[in-house]
Each structure stands twice: as C-alpha cells, then as structure tokens.
Amino acid sequence: MIEAICRFMKVKMKDWKESNLNMIKETINTLKTVLENCERVPKRALFVCSAFLIDKIGDSKYAAIKDVYM
C-alpha cells in the first residue's frame, strides 16, 4: 500500500518535475506522515521517492520546507 501511495504521488507530480511550491510541500508532508505512521516501509517505496527527496533536500529554494518538515 505504501508503495502504491508513493507511485501515485510520483505520477501526480509528473515524475517529480512539478515546480509548484505548495504541491512539493504537501508531497513532503504526505511522505513524512506515511513514513512516521508505518511500522515497516518497503525498500521499493523508498526507492520510488528517494530521488525526489534527495533532489529537494539539497535545493536552497526549499530550505524553509526542509526546516519545517525534516
């Protein structure tokens, strides 16, 4: 189920290419909620969203989001 959620968000974010700040903020918030509330997270689910998270964490435009959500 977790992998399905990650894949759904990836499609909705146009393969993580979405540049809308609010969309990115809510995606990070959703991922955070899912990861915090699940006892076990499959590696495939993390693989799906890892490129997105790594890309956004290093971007200075998203420093405010990183401080709030990470």
PDB file of N, CA and C in Angstrom:
ATOM      1  N   MET A   1       0.814  -1.191   0.000  1.00  0.00           N
ATOM      2  CA  MET A   1       0.000   0.000   0.000  1.00  0.00           C
ATOM      3  C   MET A   1       0.865   1.267   0.000  1.00  0.00           C
ATOM      4  N   ILE A   2       1.940   1.243   0.777  1.00  0.00           N
ATOM      5  CA  ILE A   2       2.815   2.414   0.854  1.00  0.00           C
ATOM      6  C   ILE A   2       3.459   2.684  -0.502  1.00  0.00           C
ATOM      7  N   GLU A   3       3.889   1.627  -1.160  1.00  0.00           N
ATOM      8  CA  GLU A   3       4.492   1.787  -2.479  1.00  0.00           C
ATOM      9  C   GLU A   3       3.484   2.376  -3.464  1.00  0.00           C
ATOM     10  N   ALA A   4       2.238   1.958  -3.379  1.00  0.00           N
ATOM     11  CA  ALA A   4       1.193   2.482  -4.259  1.00  0.00           C
ATOM     12  C   ALA A   4       0.989   3.981  -4.031  1.00  0.00           C
ATOM     13  N   ILE A   5       1.026   4.407  -2.776  1.00  0.00           N
ATOM     14  CA  ILE A   5       0.885   5.833  -2.466  1.00  0.00           C
ATOM     15  C   ILE A   5       2.046   6.620  -3.065  1.00  0.00           C
ATOM     16  N   CYS A   6       3.260   6.107  -2.912  1.00  0.00           N
ATOM     17  CA  CYS A   6       4.443   6.784  -3.457  1.00  0.00           C
ATOM     18  C   CYS A   6       4.373   6.860  -4.984  1.00  0.00           C
ATOM     19  N   ARG A   7       3.962   5.782  -5.612  1.00  0.00           N
ATOM     20  CA  ARG A   7       3.856   5.780  -7.078  1.00  0.00           C
ATOM     21  C   ARG A   7       2.762   6.736  -7.549  1.00  0.00           C
ATOM     22  N   PHE A   8       1.645   6.785  -6.831  1.00  0.00           N
ATOM     23  CA  PHE A   8       0.562   7.703  -7.175  1.00  0.00           C
ATOM     24  C   PHE A   8       1.040   9.151  -7.101  1.00  0.00           C
ATOM     25  N   MET A   9       1.762   9.480  -6.023  1.00  0.00           N
ATOM     26  CA  MET A   9       2.275  10.852  -5.891  1.00  0.00           C
ATOM     27  C   MET A   9       3.284  11.163  -6.986  1.00  0.00           C
ATOM     28  N   LYS A  10       4.089  10.189  -7.360  1.00  0.00           N
ATOM     29  CA  LYS A  10       5.065  10.404  -8.420  1.00  0.00           C
ATOM     30  C   LYS A  10       4.367  10.735  -9.732  1.00  0.00           C
ATOM     31  N   VAL A  11       3.290  10.028 -10.040  1.00  0.00           N
ATOM     32  CA  VAL A  11       2.534  10.294 -11.274  1.00  0.00           C
ATOM     33  C   VAL A  11       1.868  11.662 -11.203  1.00  0.00           C
ATOM     34  N   LYS A  12       1.257  11.976 -10.074  1.00  0.00           N
ATOM     35  CA  LYS A  12       0.583  13.265  -9.923  1.00  0.00           C
ATOM     36  C   LYS A  12       1.557  14.435  -9.979  1.00  0.00           C
ATOM     37  N   MET A  13       2.790  14.200  -9.549  1.00  0.00           N
ATOM     38  CA  MET A  13       3.809  15.248  -9.595  1.00  0.00           C
ATOM     39  C   MET A  13       4.563  15.227 -10.925  1.00  0.00           C
ATOM     40  N   LYS A  14       4.018  14.534 -11.898  1.00  0.00           N
ATOM     41  CA  LYS A  14       4.614  14.455 -13.245  1.00  0.00           C
ATOM     42  C   LYS A  14       6.060  13.971 -13.166  1.00  0.00           C
ATOM     43  N   ASP A  15       6.236  12.796 -12.561  1.00  0.00           N
ATOM     44  CA  ASP A  15       7.555  12.189 -12.371  1.00  0.00           C
ATOM     45  C   ASP A  15       8.487  13.106 -11.581  1.00  0.00           C
ATOM     46  N   TRP A  16       7.941  13.732 -10.540  1.00  0.00           N
ATOM     47  CA  TRP A  16       8.660  14.609  -9.615  1.00  0.00           C
ATOM     48  C   TRP A  16       9.145  15.894 -10.277  1.00  0.00           C
ATOM     49  N   LYS A  17       8.570  16.287 -11.416  1.00  0.00           N
ATOM     50  CA  LYS A  17       9.006  17.502 -12.103  1.00  0.00           C
ATOM     51  C   LYS A  17       8.156  18.717 -11.746  1.00  0.00           C
ATOM     52  N   GLU A  18       7.156  18.550 -10.922  1.00  0.00           N
ATOM     53  CA  GLU A  18       6.282  19.656 -10.531  1.00  0.00           C
ATOM     54  C   GLU A  18       7.095  20.739  -9.822  1.00  0.00           C
ATOM     55  N   SER A  19       6.855  21.999 -10.176  1.00  0.00           N
ATOM     56  CA  SER A  19       7.619  23.085  -9.564  1.00  0.00           C
ATOM     57  C   SER A  19       6.769  23.947  -8.625  1.00  0.00           C
ATOM     58  N   ASN A  20       5.514  23.607  -8.436  1.00  0.00           N
ATOM     59  CA  ASN A  20       4.638  24.349  -7.541  1.00  0.00           C
ATOM     60  C   ASN A  20       5.064  24.097  -6.092  1.00  0.00           C
ATOM     61  N   LEU A  21       5.409  25.138  -5.385  1.00  0.00           N
ATOM     62  CA  LEU A  21       5.920  25.022  -4.024  1.00  0.00           C
ATOM     63  C   LEU A  21       4.909  24.368  -3.090  1.00  0.00           C
ATOM     64  N   ASN A  22       3.632  24.708  -3.233  1.00  0.00           N
ATOM     65  CA  ASN A  22       2.617  24.110  -2.369  1.00  0.00           C
ATOM     66  C   ASN A  22       2.460  22.616  -2.627  1.00  0.00           C
ATOM     67  N   MET A  23       2.559  22.206  -3.890  1.00  0.00           N
ATOM     68  CA  MET A  23       2.483  20.780  -4.221  1.00  0.00           C
ATOM     69  C   MET A  23       3.664  20.036  -3.604  1.00  0.00           C
ATOM     70  N   ILE A  24       4.835  20.610  -3.701  1.00  0.00           N
ATOM     71  CA  ILE A  24       6.030  19.978  -3.150  1.00  0.00           C
ATOM     72  C   ILE A  24       5.908  19.888  -1.626  1.00  0.00           C
ATOM     73  N   LYS A  25       5.430  20.957  -0.994  1.00  0.00           N
ATOM     74  CA  LYS A  25       5.264  20.971   0.455  1.00  0.00           C
ATOM     75  C   LYS A  25       4.292  19.872   0.903  1.00  0.00           C
ATOM     76  N   GLU A  26       3.169  19.746   0.219  1.00  0.00           N
ATOM     77  CA  GLU A  26       2.193  18.728   0.596  1.00  0.00           C
ATOM     78  C   GLU A  26       2.685  17.313   0.303  1.00  0.00           C
ATOM     79  N   THR A  27       3.447  17.159  -0.754  1.00  0.00           N
ATOM     80  CA  THR A  27       4.027  15.847  -1.053  1.00  0.00           C
ATOM     81  C   THR A  27       4.994  15.428   0.047  1.00  0.00           C
ATOM     82  N   ILE A  28       5.841  16.333   0.469  1.00  0.00           N
ATOM     83  CA  ILE A  28       6.777  16.039   1.550  1.00  0.00           C
ATOM     84  C   ILE A  28       6.021  15.746   2.835  1.00  0.00           C
ATOM     85  N   ASN A  29       4.963  16.519   3.106  1.00  0.00           N
ATOM     86  CA  ASN A  29       4.157  16.298   4.301  1.00  0.00           C
ATOM     87  C   ASN A  29       3.488  14.923   4.262  1.00  0.00           C
ATOM     88  N   THR A  30       2.968  14.532   3.111  1.00  0.00           N
ATOM     89  CA  THR A  30       2.332  13.220   2.961  1.00  0.00           C
ATOM     90  C   THR A  30       3.341  12.101   3.155  1.00  0.00           C
ATOM     91  N   LEU A  31       4.504  12.227   2.537  1.00  0.00           N
ATOM     92  CA  LEU A  31       5.543  11.213   2.704  1.00  0.00           C
ATOM     93  C   LEU A  31       5.969  11.101   4.165  1.00  0.00           C
ATOM     94  N   LYS A  32       6.117  12.236   4.817  1.00  0.00           N
ATOM     95  CA  LYS A  32       6.510  12.237   6.224  1.00  0.00           C
ATOM     96  C   LYS A  32       5.465  11.528   7.076  1.00  0.00           C
ATOM     97  N   THR A  33       4.190  11.815   6.836  1.00  0.00           N
ATOM     98  CA  THR A  33       3.109  11.186   7.590  1.00  0.00           C
ATOM     99  C   THR A  33       3.083   9.682   7.380  1.00  0.00           C
ATOM    100  N   VAL A  34       3.229   9.264   6.137  1.00  0.00           N
ATOM    101  CA  VAL A  34       3.223   7.834   5.828  1.00  0.00           C
ATOM    102  C   VAL A  34       4.395   7.136   6.507  1.00  0.00           C
ATOM    103  N   LEU A  35       5.565   7.721   6.409  1.00  0.00           N
ATOM    104  CA  LEU A  35       6.754   7.085   6.985  1.00  0.00           C
ATOM    105  C   LEU A  35       6.729   7.058   8.510  1.00  0.00           C
ATOM    106  N   GLU A  36       6.149   8.069   9.133  1.00  0.00           N
ATOM    107  CA  GLU A  36       6.079   8.104  10.586  1.00  0.00           C
ATOM    108  C   GLU A  36       5.067   7.114  11.145  1.00  0.00           C
ATOM    109  N   ASN A  37       4.009   6.850  10.405  1.00  0.00           N
ATOM    110  CA  ASN A  37       2.915   6.034  10.928  1.00  0.00           C
ATOM    111  C   ASN A  37       2.948   4.573  10.497  1.00  0.00           C
ATOM    112  N   CYS A  38       3.934   4.187   9.754  1.00  0.00           N
ATOM    113  CA  CYS A  38       4.032   2.794   9.311  1.00  0.00           C
ATOM    114  C   CYS A  38       5.135   2.090  10.081  1.00  0.00           C
ATOM    115  N   GLU A  39       4.823   0.874  10.487  1.00  0.00           N
ATOM    116  CA  GLU A  39       5.820   0.095  11.216  1.00  0.00           C
ATOM    117  C   GLU A  39       6.942  -0.366  10.302  1.00  0.00           C
ATOM    118  N   ARG A  40       6.573  -0.715   9.087  1.00  0.00           N
ATOM    119  CA  ARG A  40       7.550  -1.258   8.147  1.00  0.00           C
ATOM    120  C   ARG A  40       7.348  -0.594   6.780  1.00  0.00           C
ATOM    121  N   VAL A  41       8.409  -0.070   6.222  1.00  0.00           N
ATOM    122  CA  VAL A  41       8.340   0.588   4.923  1.00  0.00           C
ATOM    123  C   VAL A  41       9.163  -0.232   3.928  1.00  0.00           C
ATOM    124  N   PRO A  42       8.542  -0.687   2.845  1.00  0.00           N
ATOM    125  CA  PRO A  42       9.281  -1.492   1.862  1.00  0.00           C
ATOM    126  C   PRO A  42      10.379  -0.684   1.169  1.00  0.00           C
ATOM    127  N   LYS A  43      11.449  -1.353   0.804  1.00  0.00           N
ATOM    128  CA  LYS A  43      12.545  -0.698   0.103  1.00  0.00           C
ATOM    129  C   LYS A  43      12.082  -0.105  -1.218  1.00  0.00           C
ATOM    130  N   ARG A  44      11.159  -0.782  -1.890  1.00  0.00           N
ATOM    131  CA  ARG A  44      10.670  -0.271  -3.183  1.00  0.00           C
ATOM    132  C   ARG A  44       9.975   1.074  -3.027  1.00  0.00           C
ATOM    133  N   ALA A  45       9.233   1.249  -1.940  1.00  0.00           N
ATOM    134  CA  ALA A  45       8.558   2.522  -1.700  1.00  0.00           C
ATOM    135  C   ALA A  45       9.579   3.639  -1.481  1.00  0.00           C
ATOM    136  N   LEU A  46      10.622   3.342  -0.731  1.00  0.00           N
ATOM    137  CA  LEU A  46      11.674   4.334  -0.519  1.00  0.00           C
ATOM    138  C   LEU A  46      12.428   4.639  -1.804  1.00  0.00           C
ATOM    139  N   PHE A  47      12.622   3.622  -2.628  1.00  0.00           N
ATOM    140  CA  PHE A  47      13.309   3.819  -3.894  1.00  0.00           C
ATOM    141  C   PHE A  47      12.522   4.767  -4.797  1.00  0.00           C
ATOM    142  N   VAL A  48      11.187   4.635  -4.786  1.00  0.00           N
ATOM    143  CA  VAL A  48      10.335   5.473  -5.639  1.00  0.00           C
ATOM    144  C   VAL A  48      10.471   6.940  -5.268  1.00  0.00           C
ATOM    145  N   CYS A  49      10.505   7.244  -3.975  1.00  0.00           N
ATOM    146  CA  CYS A  49      10.510   8.651  -3.561  1.00  0.00           C
ATOM    147  C   CYS A  49      11.888   9.184  -3.185  1.00  0.00           C
ATOM    148  N   SER A  50      12.909   8.348  -3.166  1.00  0.00           N
ATOM    149  CA  SER A  50      14.226   8.812  -2.721  1.00  0.00           C
ATOM    150  C   SER A  50      14.829   9.866  -3.646  1.00  0.00           C
ATOM    151  N   ALA A  51      14.675   9.707  -4.952  1.00  0.00           N
ATOM    152  CA  ALA A  51      15.233  10.700  -5.883  1.00  0.00           C
ATOM    153  C   ALA A  51      14.595  12.069  -5.652  1.00  0.00           C
ATOM    154  N   PHE A  52      13.291  12.077  -5.433  1.00  0.00           N
ATOM    155  CA  PHE A  52      12.568  13.330  -5.171  1.00  0.00           C
ATOM    156  C   PHE A  52      13.084  13.986  -3.892  1.00  0.00           C
ATOM    157  N   LEU A  53      13.179  13.212  -2.828  1.00  0.00           N
ATOM    158  CA  LEU A  53      13.607  13.777  -1.547  1.00  0.00           C
ATOM    159  C   LEU A  53      15.048  14.262  -1.585  1.00  0.00           C
ATOM    160  N   ILE A  54      15.912  13.499  -2.187  1.00  0.00           N
ATOM    161  CA  ILE A  54      17.325  13.893  -2.272  1.00  0.00           C
ATOM    162  C   ILE A  54      17.473  15.173  -3.075  1.00  0.00           C
ATOM    163  N   ASP A  55      16.730  15.280  -4.153  1.00  0.00           N
ATOM    164  CA  ASP A  55      16.791  16.468  -5.003  1.00  0.00           C
ATOM    165  C   ASP A  55      16.296  17.702  -4.257  1.00  0.00           C
ATOM    166  N   LYS A  56      15.205  17.576  -3.518  1.00  0.00           N
ATOM    167  CA  LYS A  56      14.610  18.733  -2.841  1.00  0.00           C
ATOM    168  C   LYS A  56      15.364  19.116  -1.580  1.00  0.00           C
ATOM    169  N   ILE A  57      15.932  18.172  -0.882  1.00  0.00           N
ATOM    170  CA  ILE A  57      16.668  18.486   0.343  1.00  0.00           C
ATOM    171  C   ILE A  57      17.887  19.358   0.037  1.00  0.00           C
ATOM    172  N   GLY A  58      18.539  19.105  -1.073  1.00  0.00           N
ATOM    173  CA  GLY A  58      19.731  19.855  -1.423  1.00  0.00           C
ATOM    174  C   GLY A  58      19.468  21.201  -2.061  1.00  0.00           C
ATOM    175  N   ASP A  59      18.228  21.494  -2.427  1.00  0.00           N
ATOM    176  CA  ASP A  59      17.889  22.727  -3.127  1.00  0.00           C
ATOM    177  C   ASP A  59      17.645  23.855  -2.128  1.00  0.00           C
ATOM    178  N   SER A  60      18.331  24.965  -2.307  1.00  0.00           N
ATOM    179  CA  SER A  60      18.208  26.076  -1.358  1.00  0.00           C
ATOM    180  C   SER A  60      16.831  26.735  -1.395  1.00  0.00           C
ATOM    181  N   LYS A  61      16.098  26.599  -2.506  1.00  0.00           N
ATOM    182  CA  LYS A  61      14.754  27.178  -2.584  1.00  0.00           C
ATOM    183  C   LYS A  61      13.811  26.550  -1.574  1.00  0.00           C
ATOM    184  N   TYR A  62      14.091  25.322  -1.177  1.00  0.00           N
ATOM    185  CA  TYR A  62      13.200  24.591  -0.296  1.00  0.00           C
ATOM    186  C   TYR A  62      13.730  24.510   1.133  1.00  0.00           C
ATOM    187  N   ALA A  63      14.596  25.421   1.498  1.00  0.00           N
ATOM    188  CA  ALA A  63      15.179  25.410   2.838  1.00  0.00           C
ATOM    189  C   ALA A  63      14.106  25.581   3.905  1.00  0.00           C
ATOM    190  N   ALA A  64      13.114  26.428   3.659  1.00  0.00           N
ATOM    191  CA  ALA A  64      12.043  26.644   4.635  1.00  0.00           C
ATOM    192  C   ALA A  64      11.222  25.375   4.828  1.00  0.00           C
ATOM    193  N   ILE A  65      10.956  24.658   3.755  1.00  0.00           N
ATOM    194  CA  ILE A  65      10.204  23.401   3.847  1.00  0.00           C
ATOM    195  C   ILE A  65      11.016  22.392   4.627  1.00  0.00           C
ATOM    196  N   LYS A  66      12.289  22.312   4.330  1.00  0.00           N
ATOM    197  CA  LYS A  66      13.160  21.353   4.998  1.00  0.00           C
ATOM    198  C   LYS A  66      13.178  21.596   6.496  1.00  0.00           C
ATOM    199  N   ASP A  67      13.243  22.868   6.903  1.00  0.00           N
ATOM    200  CA  ASP A  67      13.283  23.194   8.327  1.00  0.00           C
ATOM    201  C   ASP A  67      11.988  22.806   9.031  1.00  0.00           C
ATOM    202  N   VAL A  68      10.857  22.949   8.352  1.00  0.00           N
ATOM    203  CA  VAL A  68       9.560  22.656   8.953  1.00  0.00           C
ATOM    204  C   VAL A  68       9.297  21.162   9.005  1.00  0.00           C
ATOM    205  N   TYR A  69       9.598  20.450   7.921  1.00  0.00           N
ATOM    206  CA  TYR A  69       9.170  19.061   7.797  1.00  0.00           C
ATOM    207  C   TYR A  69      10.246  18.031   8.076  1.00  0.00           C
ATOM    208  N   MET A  70      11.494  18.381   8.125  1.00  0.00           N
ATOM    209  CA  MET A  70      12.524  17.351   8.260  1.00  0.00           C
ATOM    210  C   MET A  70      13.190  17.435   9.603  1.00  0.00           C
TER     211      MET A  70
END
